[in-house]
Amino acid sequence: MQAGIHPNYHEIKVTCACGASWSTRSTVKGDTLRLEICSSCHPFFTGRQKLIDTEGRVSLFQRKAAKSKALQEQNAARKAGKAESAQ
């Protein structure tokens, strides 16, 4: 390797907001790295899902999905009624 062109690769301590911490090596300047989320608290790795409802978007989606399902059931019942009357 050519001297003087590579960043300093040193050991640092990583600390997550959930309290988990570990040591690793990095080119980050400083001795510590603070994270908001890690594999110990991320929903994908833990299997726990946290819904963050921004301006009611989740509840709006759930209402639309329920309304759509009700309309589909009504249409299916209507089609079944027409099929019975045609026979």
Protein backbone atom coordinates (compact mmCIF):
# COMPACT_ATOMS: atom_id res chain seq x y z
CA MET A 1 0.00 0.00 0.00
CA GLN A 2 1.10 3.49 -0.70
CA ALA A 3 1.96 5.45 2.46
CA GLY A 4 0.00 8.53 3.47
CA ILE A 5 -3.14 8.10 1.33
CA HIS A 6 -5.19 5.74 3.50
CA PRO A 7 -7.43 6.87 6.39
CA ASN A 8 -6.60 5.98 9.97
CA TYR A 9 -8.26 2.62 10.78
CA HIS A 10 -8.58 2.33 14.55
CA GLU A 11 -10.70 0.65 17.23
CA ILE A 12 -13.83 2.51 18.37
CA LYS A 13 -16.72 1.85 20.78
CA VAL A 14 -20.20 1.79 19.20
CA THR A 15 -23.18 2.63 21.42
CA CYS A 16 -26.83 2.34 20.40
CA ALA A 17 -29.73 4.35 21.82
CA CYS A 18 -31.18 1.08 23.23
CA GLY A 19 -28.08 0.66 25.41
CA ALA A 20 -26.25 -2.03 23.44
CA SER A 21 -22.55 -1.39 22.89
CA TRP A 22 -19.65 -3.19 21.22
CA SER A 23 -16.17 -2.57 19.90
CA THR A 24 -15.24 -2.51 16.25
CA ARG A 25 -12.73 -0.93 13.92
CA SER A 26 -13.54 2.05 11.75
CA THR A 27 -12.18 5.08 9.92
CA VAL A 28 -14.58 7.37 11.83
CA LYS A 29 -12.78 10.20 13.56
CA GLY A 30 -13.08 9.97 17.33
CA ASP A 31 -13.25 7.08 19.77
CA THR A 32 -17.03 6.56 19.91
CA LEU A 33 -19.90 6.17 17.47
CA ARG A 34 -23.52 6.66 18.61
CA LEU A 35 -26.34 4.94 16.69
CA GLU A 36 -30.11 5.36 16.86
CA ILE A 37 -30.89 1.75 15.95
CA CYS A 38 -28.95 -1.52 15.85
CA SER A 39 -29.58 -5.21 15.27
CA SER A 40 -30.59 -5.59 18.93
CA CYS A 41 -33.52 -3.19 18.63
CA HIS A 42 -34.39 -3.12 14.89
CA PRO A 43 -37.84 -4.65 14.20
CA PHE A 44 -36.54 -6.73 11.29
CA PHE A 45 -34.08 -8.58 13.51
CA THR A 46 -36.18 -8.73 16.70
CA GLY A 47 -39.51 -9.69 15.13
CA ARG A 48 -41.29 -6.87 16.95
CA GLN A 49 -42.98 -4.30 14.74
CA LYS A 50 -43.40 -0.70 15.77
CA LEU A 51 -45.85 1.36 13.73
CA ILE A 52 -45.04 5.03 13.72
CA ASP A 53 -48.27 6.77 12.72
CA THR A 54 -47.32 10.00 10.99
CA GLU A 55 -50.36 12.26 10.65
CA GLY A 56 -52.78 9.32 10.85
CA ARG A 57 -51.45 7.64 7.70
CA VAL A 58 -51.64 4.12 9.11
CA SER A 59 -55.20 4.55 10.35
CA LEU A 60 -56.19 6.14 7.02
CA PHE A 61 -54.79 3.15 5.15
CA GLN A 62 -56.59 0.71 7.46
CA ARG A 63 -59.91 2.51 6.93
CA LYS A 64 -59.46 2.46 3.13
CA ALA A 65 -58.56 -1.23 3.20
CA ALA A 66 -61.65 -2.08 5.28
CA LYS A 67 -63.90 -0.05 2.96
CA SER A 68 -62.41 -1.77 -0.09
CA LYS A 69 -62.95 -5.21 1.42
CA ALA A 70 -66.59 -4.37 2.23
CA LEU A 71 -67.17 -3.20 -1.36
CA GLN A 72 -65.60 -6.39 -2.73
CA GLU A 73 -67.90 -8.50 -0.55
CA GLN A 74 -70.95 -6.51 -1.71
CA ASN A 75 -69.96 -6.95 -5.37
CA ALA A 76 -69.41 -10.68 -4.87
CA ALA A 77 -72.85 -11.02 -3.23
CA ARG A 78 -74.46 -8.99 -6.04
CA LYS A 79 -72.82 -11.20 -8.70
CA ALA A 80 -73.92 -14.35 -6.87
CA GLY A 81 -77.50 -13.00 -6.76
CA LYS A 82 -77.49 -12.27 -10.52
CA ALA A 83 -76.10 -15.74 -11.27
CA GLU A 84 -78.90 -17.39 -9.24
CA SER A 85 -81.64 -15.33 -10.90
CA ALA A 86 -80.29 -16.14 -14.40
CA GLN A 87 -80.62 -19.90 -13.82
